[in-house]
Amino acid sequence: MPLWYAAALAYQSALHAIFFIVFLNGKHPARAFGILWTLLVFVLFPIGSWIGEYDLFIKNAFFCGSLVVLCRFLFRDQKMRKIILAVLLYEIMLVLFEILAVPTMYLLFGFVPDLRMYGPIQKVFTLIACIWLAVFVFGTLSVVSKAPSTHTKMFWYLACLLFNVILLVLAVCQIFMPYNPSFFESSYWGVVAVLIGANLATLFR
């Protein structure tokens, strides 16, 4: 792994840790930052990258599940619903900033290069992705972190909405990045079933 890529990974992990600490009002921010940053850099991102080579849905489910457990341990004074909301917002930021970085690359170069190569083009892409991530993290914190805690029923509506957006975005990524028509044979009906189940659970809650 090139040094510049490792630096970008450390920077992005720091932004992720800051998001959770500020959103969840961590009482021991230095301790929480150290634990979150270390696990993101050396455990979650390496495992997530390996899983992502096979399935984006499993990768993101792994991230969400791991972060819920980790945040429950680090921010024990917070309600579970706020932790779930933080993880869902984090996942929204994660998928959106990566998607926005790709069209930005297209506008700059007129094509989308192979981003798996450690070359000059990927350096530019990584820089763009880091900028978009900072915009999403601090923008979300400025808008949402100080908002009053939502009513229980409203929380489930919001969580369902975020969950729908995440699954739909991941479905698009699975089809087009790279182009993958076999998605409809392997994962499409599973995604539809999960979406229907989540919406029905919210409707009758």
N, C-alpha and C. Protein backbone atom coordinates (compact mmCIF):
# COMPACT_ATOMS: atom_id res chain seq x y z
N MET A 1 0.84 -1.20 0.00
CA MET A 1 0.00 0.00 0.00
C MET A 1 0.88 1.25 0.00
N PRO A 2 0.70 2.17 -0.99
CA PRO A 2 1.51 3.38 -1.03
C PRO A 2 1.28 4.26 0.21
N LEU A 3 2.27 5.08 0.52
CA LEU A 3 2.18 5.95 1.69
C LEU A 3 1.03 6.93 1.58
N TRP A 4 0.80 7.48 0.38
CA TRP A 4 -0.28 8.46 0.23
C TRP A 4 -1.65 7.82 0.46
N TYR A 5 -1.79 6.54 0.08
CA TYR A 5 -3.06 5.85 0.29
C TYR A 5 -3.28 5.57 1.77
N ALA A 6 -2.21 5.19 2.46
CA ALA A 6 -2.31 4.96 3.91
C ALA A 6 -2.66 6.26 4.64
N ALA A 7 -2.09 7.39 4.17
CA ALA A 7 -2.40 8.69 4.78
C ALA A 7 -3.87 9.04 4.57
N ALA A 8 -4.40 8.76 3.36
CA ALA A 8 -5.81 9.03 3.07
C ALA A 8 -6.72 8.16 3.94
N LEU A 9 -6.34 6.91 4.12
CA LEU A 9 -7.11 6.00 4.97
C LEU A 9 -7.13 6.50 6.41
N ALA A 10 -5.98 6.96 6.91
CA ALA A 10 -5.90 7.49 8.28
C ALA A 10 -6.77 8.74 8.41
N TYR A 11 -6.73 9.61 7.39
CA TYR A 11 -7.52 10.84 7.40
C TYR A 11 -9.02 10.53 7.40
N GLN A 12 -9.45 9.63 6.52
CA GLN A 12 -10.86 9.29 6.44
C GLN A 12 -11.34 8.63 7.73
N SER A 13 -10.52 7.77 8.31
CA SER A 13 -10.89 7.13 9.58
C SER A 13 -11.02 8.16 10.69
N ALA A 14 -10.16 9.18 10.67
CA ALA A 14 -10.26 10.25 11.67
C ALA A 14 -11.58 11.00 11.53
N LEU A 15 -12.00 11.28 10.28
CA LEU A 15 -13.27 11.96 10.06
C LEU A 15 -14.44 11.10 10.55
N HIS A 16 -14.38 9.81 10.28
CA HIS A 16 -15.44 8.90 10.73
C HIS A 16 -15.52 8.89 12.26
N ALA A 17 -14.38 8.81 12.92
CA ALA A 17 -14.36 8.80 14.38
C ALA A 17 -14.91 10.10 14.94
N ILE A 18 -14.53 11.22 14.35
CA ILE A 18 -15.03 12.53 14.80
C ILE A 18 -16.54 12.59 14.67
N PHE A 19 -17.07 12.06 13.57
CA PHE A 19 -18.52 12.07 13.37
C PHE A 19 -19.24 11.37 14.51
N PHE A 20 -18.81 10.16 14.85
CA PHE A 20 -19.50 9.41 15.91
C PHE A 20 -19.32 10.06 17.28
N ILE A 21 -18.15 10.58 17.56
CA ILE A 21 -17.89 11.21 18.86
C ILE A 21 -18.77 12.45 19.04
N VAL A 22 -18.86 13.29 18.01
CA VAL A 22 -19.66 14.51 18.11
C VAL A 22 -21.15 14.18 18.11
N PHE A 23 -21.57 13.31 17.21
CA PHE A 23 -23.00 12.99 17.10
C PHE A 23 -23.52 12.31 18.36
N LEU A 24 -22.69 11.44 18.95
CA LEU A 24 -23.13 10.69 20.13
C LEU A 24 -22.64 11.30 21.44
N ASN A 25 -22.10 12.51 21.37
CA ASN A 25 -21.70 13.25 22.58
C ASN A 25 -20.82 12.41 23.50
N GLY A 26 -19.72 11.94 22.96
CA GLY A 26 -18.82 11.10 23.75
C GLY A 26 -18.25 11.84 24.96
N LYS A 27 -18.32 11.21 26.13
CA LYS A 27 -17.81 11.83 27.37
C LYS A 27 -16.29 11.72 27.47
N HIS A 28 -15.71 10.75 26.79
CA HIS A 28 -14.26 10.57 26.79
C HIS A 28 -13.79 10.57 25.33
N PRO A 29 -13.79 11.75 24.70
CA PRO A 29 -13.52 11.80 23.25
C PRO A 29 -12.16 11.27 22.84
N ALA A 30 -11.13 11.54 23.63
CA ALA A 30 -9.79 11.07 23.24
C ALA A 30 -9.74 9.54 23.23
N ARG A 31 -10.31 8.92 24.26
CA ARG A 31 -10.33 7.45 24.33
C ARG A 31 -11.16 6.87 23.20
N ALA A 32 -12.35 7.45 22.98
CA ALA A 32 -13.23 6.95 21.92
C ALA A 32 -12.58 7.12 20.56
N PHE A 33 -11.92 8.26 20.34
CA PHE A 33 -11.26 8.51 19.06
C PHE A 33 -10.16 7.48 18.82
N GLY A 34 -9.35 7.22 19.83
CA GLY A 34 -8.26 6.26 19.67
C GLY A 34 -8.76 4.87 19.32
N ILE A 35 -9.81 4.43 20.00
CA ILE A 35 -10.36 3.09 19.75
C ILE A 35 -10.99 3.02 18.37
N LEU A 36 -11.84 4.02 18.05
CA LEU A 36 -12.52 4.02 16.75
C LEU A 36 -11.52 4.10 15.60
N TRP A 37 -10.58 5.02 15.70
CA TRP A 37 -9.61 5.21 14.62
C TRP A 37 -8.79 3.95 14.40
N THR A 38 -8.32 3.34 15.48
CA THR A 38 -7.48 2.14 15.38
C THR A 38 -8.25 0.98 14.74
N LEU A 39 -9.47 0.76 15.19
CA LEU A 39 -10.25 -0.35 14.65
C LEU A 39 -10.65 -0.10 13.20
N LEU A 40 -10.96 1.15 12.85
CA LEU A 40 -11.31 1.45 11.46
C LEU A 40 -10.13 1.20 10.53
N VAL A 41 -8.95 1.68 10.91
CA VAL A 41 -7.77 1.57 10.05
C VAL A 41 -7.27 0.14 9.93
N PHE A 42 -7.20 -0.56 11.06
CA PHE A 42 -6.52 -1.85 11.07
C PHE A 42 -7.45 -3.07 11.04
N VAL A 43 -8.75 -2.86 11.26
CA VAL A 43 -9.66 -4.00 11.28
C VAL A 43 -10.81 -3.83 10.29
N LEU A 44 -11.65 -2.81 10.49
CA LEU A 44 -12.88 -2.70 9.72
C LEU A 44 -12.63 -2.43 8.25
N PHE A 45 -11.78 -1.46 7.92
CA PHE A 45 -11.55 -1.15 6.51
C PHE A 45 -10.86 -2.29 5.76
N PRO A 46 -9.81 -2.92 6.32
CA PRO A 46 -9.21 -4.05 5.60
C PRO A 46 -10.19 -5.19 5.34
N ILE A 47 -10.96 -5.55 6.38
CA ILE A 47 -11.94 -6.63 6.19
C ILE A 47 -13.02 -6.20 5.21
N GLY A 48 -13.50 -4.94 5.35
CA GLY A 48 -14.54 -4.45 4.46
C GLY A 48 -14.08 -4.41 3.01
N SER A 49 -12.83 -4.02 2.77
CA SER A 49 -12.31 -3.99 1.39
C SER A 49 -12.26 -5.39 0.80
N TRP A 50 -11.87 -6.37 1.60
CA TRP A 50 -11.82 -7.75 1.12
C TRP A 50 -13.22 -8.26 0.80
N ILE A 51 -14.19 -7.98 1.70
CA ILE A 51 -15.57 -8.43 1.46
C ILE A 51 -16.15 -7.72 0.25
N GLY A 52 -15.80 -6.42 0.06
CA GLY A 52 -16.35 -5.64 -1.04
C GLY A 52 -15.99 -6.17 -2.41
N GLU A 53 -14.92 -6.95 -2.49
CA GLU A 53 -14.56 -7.55 -3.77
C GLU A 53 -15.56 -8.61 -4.21
N TYR A 54 -16.37 -9.09 -3.27
CA TYR A 54 -17.33 -10.16 -3.56
C TYR A 54 -18.78 -9.65 -3.53
N ASP A 55 -19.10 -8.80 -2.53
CA ASP A 55 -20.49 -8.37 -2.41
C ASP A 55 -20.57 -7.06 -1.63
N LEU A 56 -21.14 -6.02 -2.24
CA LEU A 56 -21.26 -4.72 -1.58
C LEU A 56 -22.23 -4.75 -0.42
N PHE A 57 -23.29 -5.55 -0.53
CA PHE A 57 -24.29 -5.60 0.53
C PHE A 57 -23.71 -6.21 1.81
N ILE A 58 -22.99 -7.29 1.65
CA ILE A 58 -22.38 -7.93 2.82
C ILE A 58 -21.33 -7.01 3.44
N LYS A 59 -20.58 -6.31 2.60
CA LYS A 59 -19.57 -5.37 3.10
C LYS A 59 -20.22 -4.31 3.97
N ASN A 60 -21.29 -3.70 3.48
CA ASN A 60 -21.93 -2.61 4.22
C ASN A 60 -22.69 -3.13 5.44
N ALA A 61 -23.24 -4.33 5.34
CA ALA A 61 -23.88 -4.93 6.51
C ALA A 61 -22.85 -5.20 7.60
N PHE A 62 -21.66 -5.63 7.19
CA PHE A 62 -20.56 -5.85 8.14
C PHE A 62 -20.18 -4.55 8.83
N PHE A 63 -20.04 -3.47 8.06
CA PHE A 63 -19.70 -2.18 8.63
C PHE A 63 -20.76 -1.73 9.63
N CYS A 64 -22.02 -1.79 9.21
CA CYS A 64 -23.11 -1.31 10.07
C CYS A 64 -23.19 -2.12 11.36
N GLY A 65 -23.17 -3.43 11.25
CA GLY A 65 -23.24 -4.27 12.44
C GLY A 65 -22.08 -4.04 13.39
N SER A 66 -20.87 -3.95 12.83
CA SER A 66 -19.68 -3.73 13.66
C SER A 66 -19.74 -2.39 14.38
N LEU A 67 -20.19 -1.35 13.67
CA LEU A 67 -20.24 -0.02 14.27
C LEU A 67 -21.32 0.09 15.33
N VAL A 68 -22.45 -0.58 15.14
CA VAL A 68 -23.49 -0.57 16.17
C VAL A 68 -22.95 -1.18 17.47
N VAL A 69 -22.30 -2.33 17.35
CA VAL A 69 -21.73 -2.99 18.54
C VAL A 69 -20.64 -2.12 19.17
N LEU A 70 -19.77 -1.57 18.35
CA LEU A 70 -18.67 -0.75 18.86
C LEU A 70 -19.18 0.51 19.54
N CYS A 71 -20.13 1.19 18.91
CA CYS A 71 -20.68 2.43 19.50
C CYS A 71 -21.48 2.13 20.77
N ARG A 72 -22.13 0.97 20.81
CA ARG A 72 -22.86 0.60 22.03
C ARG A 72 -21.87 0.43 23.19
N PHE A 73 -20.69 -0.05 22.90
CA PHE A 73 -19.66 -0.23 23.92
C PHE A 73 -19.05 1.11 24.33
N LEU A 74 -18.80 1.99 23.37
CA LEU A 74 -18.11 3.25 23.65
C LEU A 74 -19.03 4.33 24.20
N PHE A 75 -20.30 4.32 23.79
CA PHE A 75 -21.24 5.38 24.19
C PHE A 75 -22.43 4.76 24.91
N ARG A 76 -22.16 4.19 26.06
CA ARG A 76 -23.17 3.42 26.78
C ARG A 76 -24.32 4.27 27.31
N ASP A 77 -24.08 5.58 27.47
CA ASP A 77 -25.13 6.45 27.99
C ASP A 77 -26.14 6.85 26.92
N GLN A 78 -25.86 6.53 25.66
CA GLN A 78 -26.76 6.89 24.57
C GLN A 78 -27.80 5.80 24.32
N LYS A 79 -28.99 6.23 23.92
CA LYS A 79 -30.03 5.27 23.59
C LYS A 79 -29.67 4.53 22.30
N MET A 80 -30.14 3.30 22.22
CA MET A 80 -29.82 2.47 21.07
C MET A 80 -30.33 3.09 19.78
N ARG A 81 -31.47 3.76 19.83
CA ARG A 81 -32.02 4.32 18.60
C ARG A 81 -31.14 5.45 18.06
N LYS A 82 -30.48 6.20 18.95
CA LYS A 82 -29.58 7.25 18.46
C LYS A 82 -28.33 6.63 17.86
N ILE A 83 -27.86 5.53 18.42
CA ILE A 83 -26.71 4.83 17.85
C ILE A 83 -27.05 4.30 16.46
N ILE A 84 -28.24 3.70 16.33
CA ILE A 84 -28.67 3.18 15.02
C ILE A 84 -28.77 4.32 14.02
N LEU A 85 -29.33 5.46 14.46
CA LEU A 85 -29.45 6.61 13.57
C LEU A 85 -28.08 7.10 13.14
N ALA A 86 -27.13 7.13 14.07
CA ALA A 86 -25.76 7.57 13.74
C ALA A 86 -25.14 6.65 12.69
N VAL A 87 -25.32 5.35 12.86
CA VAL A 87 -24.74 4.39 11.91
C VAL A 87 -25.41 4.50 10.54
N LEU A 88 -26.72 4.69 10.51
CA LEU A 88 -27.42 4.84 9.23
C LEU A 88 -26.98 6.12 8.51
N LEU A 89 -26.83 7.22 9.25
CA LEU A 89 -26.35 8.46 8.65
C LEU A 89 -24.92 8.29 8.14
N TYR A 90 -24.12 7.58 8.92
CA TYR A 90 -22.74 7.29 8.50
C TYR A 90 -22.74 6.51 7.19
N GLU A 91 -23.60 5.51 7.10
CA GLU A 91 -23.65 4.68 5.90
C GLU A 91 -24.12 5.49 4.70
N ILE A 92 -25.09 6.39 4.92
CA ILE A 92 -25.54 7.28 3.85
C ILE A 92 -24.37 8.11 3.34
N MET A 93 -23.61 8.69 4.26
CA MET A 93 -22.45 9.50 3.87
C MET A 93 -21.44 8.66 3.10
N LEU A 94 -21.22 7.45 3.56
CA LEU A 94 -20.21 6.59 2.96
C LEU A 94 -20.55 6.27 1.51
N VAL A 95 -21.79 5.91 1.25
CA VAL A 95 -22.15 5.54 -0.12
C VAL A 95 -22.28 6.76 -1.02
N LEU A 96 -22.76 7.88 -0.48
CA LEU A 96 -22.97 9.06 -1.31
C LEU A 96 -21.67 9.75 -1.68
N PHE A 97 -20.72 9.83 -0.73
CA PHE A 97 -19.49 10.53 -1.08
C PHE A 97 -18.67 9.74 -2.12
N GLU A 98 -18.76 8.42 -2.07
CA GLU A 98 -18.07 7.62 -3.07
C GLU A 98 -18.72 7.78 -4.44
N ILE A 99 -20.06 7.85 -4.46
CA ILE A 99 -20.77 8.00 -5.72
C ILE A 99 -20.52 9.38 -6.33
N LEU A 100 -20.50 10.41 -5.51
CA LEU A 100 -20.25 11.76 -6.02
C LEU A 100 -18.82 11.93 -6.51
N ALA A 101 -17.90 11.19 -5.92
CA ALA A 101 -16.50 11.29 -6.36
C ALA A 101 -16.33 10.77 -7.78
N VAL A 102 -17.11 9.76 -8.16
CA VAL A 102 -16.98 9.17 -9.50
C VAL A 102 -17.40 10.16 -10.60
N PRO A 103 -18.60 10.80 -10.52
CA PRO A 103 -18.93 11.78 -11.56
C PRO A 103 -18.00 13.00 -11.56
N THR A 104 -17.46 13.34 -10.39
CA THR A 104 -16.49 14.43 -10.34
C THR A 104 -15.25 14.06 -11.16
N MET A 105 -14.81 12.81 -11.05
CA MET A 105 -13.69 12.34 -11.87
C MET A 105 -14.03 12.41 -13.35
N TYR A 106 -15.27 12.05 -13.68
CA TYR A 106 -15.69 12.07 -15.09
C TYR A 106 -15.68 13.50 -15.64
N LEU A 107 -16.14 14.45 -14.82
CA LEU A 107 -16.16 15.84 -15.26
C LEU A 107 -14.74 16.37 -15.46
N LEU A 108 -13.80 15.90 -14.65
CA LEU A 108 -12.42 16.37 -14.76
C LEU A 108 -11.67 15.74 -15.93
N PHE A 109 -11.88 14.42 -16.15
CA PHE A 109 -11.06 13.70 -17.12
C PHE A 109 -11.83 13.20 -18.35
N GLY A 110 -13.17 13.24 -18.30
CA GLY A 110 -13.95 12.77 -19.43
C GLY A 110 -14.15 11.27 -19.45
N PHE A 111 -13.65 10.56 -18.46
CA PHE A 111 -13.85 9.12 -18.35
C PHE A 111 -13.62 8.72 -16.90
N VAL A 112 -14.08 7.52 -16.55
CA VAL A 112 -13.87 7.00 -15.21
C VAL A 112 -12.75 5.98 -15.27
N PRO A 113 -11.58 6.28 -14.73
CA PRO A 113 -10.43 5.37 -14.83
C PRO A 113 -10.58 4.17 -13.90
N ASP A 114 -9.70 3.22 -14.09
CA ASP A 114 -9.66 2.04 -13.21
C ASP A 114 -9.07 2.47 -11.87
N LEU A 115 -9.95 2.57 -10.87
CA LEU A 115 -9.53 3.12 -9.58
C LEU A 115 -8.85 2.08 -8.70
N ARG A 116 -8.72 0.86 -9.20
CA ARG A 116 -8.03 -0.17 -8.41
C ARG A 116 -6.52 -0.07 -8.56
N MET A 117 -6.06 0.74 -9.49
CA MET A 117 -4.62 0.89 -9.72
C MET A 117 -4.07 2.02 -8.87
N TYR A 118 -2.89 1.82 -8.28
CA TYR A 118 -2.25 2.85 -7.47
C TYR A 118 -1.44 3.78 -8.37
N GLY A 119 -2.14 4.63 -9.11
CA GLY A 119 -1.45 5.55 -10.02
C GLY A 119 -1.85 6.98 -9.76
N PRO A 120 -1.39 7.92 -10.61
CA PRO A 120 -1.70 9.34 -10.43
C PRO A 120 -3.20 9.63 -10.45
N ILE A 121 -3.95 8.90 -11.29
CA ILE A 121 -5.39 9.15 -11.38
C ILE A 121 -6.06 8.79 -10.06
N GLN A 122 -5.65 7.68 -9.45
CA GLN A 122 -6.27 7.31 -8.18
C GLN A 122 -5.91 8.29 -7.07
N LYS A 123 -4.73 8.93 -7.17
CA LYS A 123 -4.38 9.96 -6.20
C LYS A 123 -5.40 11.11 -6.26
N VAL A 124 -5.75 11.50 -7.49
CA VAL A 124 -6.72 12.58 -7.66
C VAL A 124 -8.08 12.14 -7.13
N PHE A 125 -8.49 10.90 -7.47
CA PHE A 125 -9.78 10.38 -7.00
C PHE A 125 -9.82 10.34 -5.48
N THR A 126 -8.74 9.88 -4.86
CA THR A 126 -8.70 9.79 -3.40
C THR A 126 -8.79 11.18 -2.76
N LEU A 127 -8.12 12.16 -3.36
CA LEU A 127 -8.20 13.52 -2.85
C LEU A 127 -9.62 14.05 -2.94
N ILE A 128 -10.27 13.82 -4.09
CA ILE A 128 -11.66 14.26 -4.27
C ILE A 128 -12.58 13.59 -3.27
N ALA A 129 -12.38 12.27 -3.07
CA ALA A 129 -13.20 11.54 -2.12
C ALA A 129 -13.02 12.07 -0.70
N CYS A 130 -11.79 12.42 -0.34
CA CYS A 130 -11.53 12.97 0.99
C CYS A 130 -12.23 14.31 1.20
N ILE A 131 -12.24 15.12 0.14
CA ILE A 131 -12.92 16.43 0.24
C ILE A 131 -14.42 16.24 0.39
N TRP A 132 -15.00 15.35 -0.44
CA TRP A 132 -16.44 15.10 -0.34
C TRP A 132 -16.80 14.54 1.03
N LEU A 133 -15.97 13.66 1.56
CA LEU A 133 -16.26 13.07 2.87
C LEU A 133 -16.28 14.15 3.96
N ALA A 134 -15.31 15.07 3.92
CA ALA A 134 -15.28 16.15 4.91
C ALA A 134 -16.54 17.00 4.81
N VAL A 135 -16.98 17.29 3.58
CA VAL A 135 -18.20 18.08 3.38
C VAL A 135 -19.39 17.38 4.00
N PHE A 136 -19.52 16.06 3.76
CA PHE A 136 -20.66 15.30 4.28
C PHE A 136 -20.61 15.21 5.80
N VAL A 137 -19.44 14.92 6.35
CA VAL A 137 -19.32 14.75 7.80
C VAL A 137 -19.69 16.03 8.54
N PHE A 138 -19.04 17.13 8.19
CA PHE A 138 -19.27 18.37 8.92
C PHE A 138 -20.62 18.99 8.56
N GLY A 139 -21.09 18.77 7.34
CA GLY A 139 -22.43 19.23 6.97
C GLY A 139 -23.50 18.50 7.75
N THR A 140 -23.37 17.18 7.86
CA THR A 140 -24.34 16.39 8.62
C THR A 140 -24.32 16.77 10.10
N LEU A 141 -23.13 16.93 10.65
CA LEU A 141 -23.03 17.31 12.06
C LEU A 141 -23.64 18.67 12.33
N SER A 142 -23.45 19.61 11.44
CA SER A 142 -23.98 20.96 11.65
C SER A 142 -25.50 20.99 11.55
N VAL A 143 -26.08 20.07 10.78
CA VAL A 143 -27.53 20.06 10.58
C VAL A 143 -28.24 19.16 11.58
N VAL A 144 -27.67 17.98 11.85
CA VAL A 144 -28.40 16.94 12.58
C VAL A 144 -27.99 16.80 14.03
N SER A 145 -26.73 16.99 14.36
CA SER A 145 -26.24 16.61 15.69
C SER A 145 -26.91 17.36 16.82
N LYS A 146 -27.34 18.61 16.59
CA LYS A 146 -27.95 19.39 17.65
C LYS A 146 -29.47 19.36 17.61
N ALA A 147 -30.02 18.58 16.69
CA ALA A 147 -31.47 18.46 16.60
C ALA A 147 -32.00 17.68 17.80
N PRO A 148 -33.21 18.01 18.28
CA PRO A 148 -33.76 17.28 19.42
C PRO A 148 -34.00 15.82 19.08
N SER A 149 -33.96 14.97 20.09
CA SER A 149 -34.17 13.54 19.88
C SER A 149 -35.57 13.30 19.31
N THR A 150 -35.64 12.50 18.28
CA THR A 150 -36.92 12.26 17.62
C THR A 150 -37.81 11.34 18.45
N HIS A 151 -39.10 11.51 18.27
CA HIS A 151 -40.08 10.62 18.88
C HIS A 151 -39.83 9.21 18.37
N THR A 152 -40.16 8.22 19.19
CA THR A 152 -39.85 6.82 18.85
C THR A 152 -40.42 6.43 17.49
N LYS A 153 -41.69 6.77 17.26
CA LYS A 153 -42.31 6.39 16.00
C LYS A 153 -41.68 7.14 14.83
N MET A 154 -41.40 8.43 15.02
CA MET A 154 -40.76 9.21 13.97
C MET A 154 -39.35 8.68 13.68
N PHE A 155 -38.68 8.21 14.73
CA PHE A 155 -37.35 7.63 14.53
C PHE A 155 -37.42 6.45 13.58
N TRP A 156 -38.39 5.56 13.77
CA TRP A 156 -38.48 4.37 12.92
C TRP A 156 -38.82 4.74 11.48
N TYR A 157 -39.64 5.80 11.30
CA TYR A 157 -39.91 6.28 9.94
C TYR A 157 -38.62 6.78 9.29
N LEU A 158 -37.86 7.57 10.03
CA LEU A 158 -36.60 8.11 9.50
C LEU A 158 -35.60 7.00 9.22
N ALA A 159 -35.50 6.04 10.15
CA ALA A 159 -34.58 4.93 9.96
C ALA A 159 -34.95 4.12 8.72
N CYS A 160 -36.25 3.90 8.52
CA CYS A 160 -36.70 3.14 7.35
C CYS A 160 -36.37 3.91 6.06
N LEU A 161 -36.56 5.24 6.08
CA LEU A 161 -36.24 6.05 4.91
C LEU A 161 -34.76 5.95 4.58
N LEU A 162 -33.89 6.09 5.58
CA LEU A 162 -32.45 5.99 5.35
C LEU A 162 -32.07 4.60 4.85
N PHE A 163 -32.69 3.58 5.43
CA PHE A 163 -32.42 2.20 5.04
C PHE A 163 -32.80 1.98 3.57
N ASN A 164 -33.94 2.54 3.15
CA ASN A 164 -34.36 2.43 1.75
C ASN A 164 -33.34 3.07 0.82
N VAL A 165 -32.90 4.27 1.18
CA VAL A 165 -31.94 4.98 0.34
C VAL A 165 -30.63 4.20 0.23
N ILE A 166 -30.15 3.67 1.36
CA ILE A 166 -28.90 2.92 1.37
C ILE A 166 -28.99 1.69 0.45
N LEU A 167 -30.07 0.92 0.59
CA LEU A 167 -30.20 -0.29 -0.21
C LEU A 167 -30.33 0.03 -1.70
N LEU A 168 -31.09 1.07 -2.04
CA LEU A 168 -31.26 1.43 -3.44
C LEU A 168 -29.94 1.91 -4.06
N VAL A 169 -29.18 2.70 -3.30
CA VAL A 169 -27.89 3.17 -3.81
C VAL A 169 -26.94 2.00 -4.00
N LEU A 170 -26.90 1.08 -3.04
CA LEU A 170 -26.03 -0.08 -3.15
C LEU A 170 -26.44 -0.96 -4.33
N ALA A 171 -27.74 -1.06 -4.57
CA ALA A 171 -28.21 -1.85 -5.71
C ALA A 171 -27.71 -1.25 -7.02
N VAL A 172 -27.78 0.07 -7.14
CA VAL A 172 -27.29 0.74 -8.34
C VAL A 172 -25.78 0.52 -8.50
N CYS A 173 -25.05 0.66 -7.39
CA CYS A 173 -23.60 0.44 -7.44
C CYS A 173 -23.27 -1.00 -7.86
N GLN A 174 -24.03 -1.94 -7.32
CA GLN A 174 -23.78 -3.35 -7.62
C GLN A 174 -23.99 -3.64 -9.10
N ILE A 175 -24.92 -2.91 -9.73
CA ILE A 175 -25.23 -3.14 -11.14
C ILE A 175 -24.22 -2.46 -12.06
N PHE A 176 -23.88 -1.21 -11.73
CA PHE A 176 -23.11 -0.40 -12.68
C PHE A 176 -21.63 -0.25 -12.37
N MET A 177 -21.17 -0.60 -11.17
CA MET A 177 -19.77 -0.34 -10.81
C MET A 177 -19.10 -1.59 -10.26
N PRO A 178 -18.59 -2.49 -11.09
CA PRO A 178 -18.69 -2.48 -12.55
C PRO A 178 -20.04 -3.01 -13.01
N TYR A 179 -20.32 -2.90 -14.30
CA TYR A 179 -21.58 -3.38 -14.86
C TYR A 179 -21.76 -4.86 -14.53
N ASN A 180 -22.90 -5.17 -13.92
CA ASN A 180 -23.06 -6.52 -13.38
C ASN A 180 -24.50 -7.00 -13.57
N PRO A 181 -24.87 -7.45 -14.77
CA PRO A 181 -26.24 -7.90 -15.00
C PRO A 181 -26.63 -9.12 -14.18
N SER A 182 -25.65 -9.89 -13.71
CA SER A 182 -25.98 -11.08 -12.91
C SER A 182 -26.56 -10.71 -11.55
N PHE A 183 -26.50 -9.42 -11.20
CA PHE A 183 -27.10 -8.96 -9.94
C PHE A 183 -28.56 -9.37 -9.85
N PHE A 184 -29.27 -9.32 -10.98
CA PHE A 184 -30.69 -9.63 -10.97
C PHE A 184 -30.95 -11.11 -10.70
N GLU A 185 -29.98 -11.94 -10.98
CA GLU A 185 -30.12 -13.36 -10.69
C GLU A 185 -29.71 -13.69 -9.26
N SER A 186 -28.72 -12.96 -8.72
CA SER A 186 -28.14 -13.33 -7.43
C SER A 186 -28.70 -12.57 -6.24
N SER A 187 -28.97 -11.27 -6.40
CA SER A 187 -29.29 -10.45 -5.23
C SER A 187 -30.58 -9.65 -5.33
N TYR A 188 -31.11 -9.48 -6.51
CA TYR A 188 -32.23 -8.54 -6.70
C TYR A 188 -33.41 -8.87 -5.80
N TRP A 189 -33.86 -10.14 -5.82
CA TRP A 189 -35.06 -10.48 -5.06
C TRP A 189 -34.81 -10.44 -3.57
N GLY A 190 -33.57 -10.69 -3.16
CA GLY A 190 -33.24 -10.55 -1.74
C GLY A 190 -33.36 -9.11 -1.27
N VAL A 191 -32.86 -8.18 -2.11
CA VAL A 191 -32.96 -6.75 -1.79
C VAL A 191 -34.42 -6.32 -1.72
N VAL A 192 -35.21 -6.74 -2.70
CA VAL A 192 -36.64 -6.40 -2.72
C VAL A 192 -37.34 -6.93 -1.47
N ALA A 193 -37.04 -8.17 -1.09
CA ALA A 193 -37.66 -8.77 0.09
C ALA A 193 -37.31 -8.00 1.36
N VAL A 194 -36.05 -7.60 1.49
CA VAL A 194 -35.63 -6.83 2.67
C VAL A 194 -36.33 -5.48 2.71
N LEU A 195 -36.43 -4.81 1.56
CA LEU A 195 -37.11 -3.52 1.50
C LEU A 195 -38.58 -3.65 1.87
N ILE A 196 -39.26 -4.65 1.34
CA ILE A 196 -40.67 -4.86 1.66
C ILE A 196 -40.83 -5.15 3.15
N GLY A 197 -39.96 -6.00 3.69
CA GLY A 197 -40.05 -6.33 5.11
C GLY A 197 -39.83 -5.12 5.99
N ALA A 198 -38.83 -4.28 5.67
CA ALA A 198 -38.55 -3.09 6.47
C ALA A 198 -39.70 -2.11 6.43
N ASN A 199 -40.28 -1.92 5.25
CA ASN A 199 -41.39 -0.97 5.12
C ASN A 199 -42.66 -1.48 5.80
N LEU A 200 -42.92 -2.77 5.71
CA LEU A 200 -44.09 -3.32 6.39
C LEU A 200 -43.93 -3.23 7.91
N ALA A 201 -42.70 -3.50 8.40
CA ALA A 201 -42.45 -3.42 9.83
C ALA A 201 -42.67 -1.99 10.34
N THR A 202 -42.28 -1.00 9.53
CA THR A 202 -42.48 0.39 9.93
C THR A 202 -43.96 0.76 9.85
N LEU A 203 -44.64 0.28 8.83
CA LEU A 203 -46.05 0.61 8.64
C LEU A 203 -46.91 0.12 9.80
N PHE A 204 -46.64 -1.09 10.29
CA PHE A 204 -47.48 -1.68 11.33
C PHE A 204 -46.90 -1.53 12.72
N ARG A 205 -45.85 -0.72 12.85
CA ARG A 205 -45.23 -0.56 14.17
C ARG A 205 -46.10 0.29 15.08
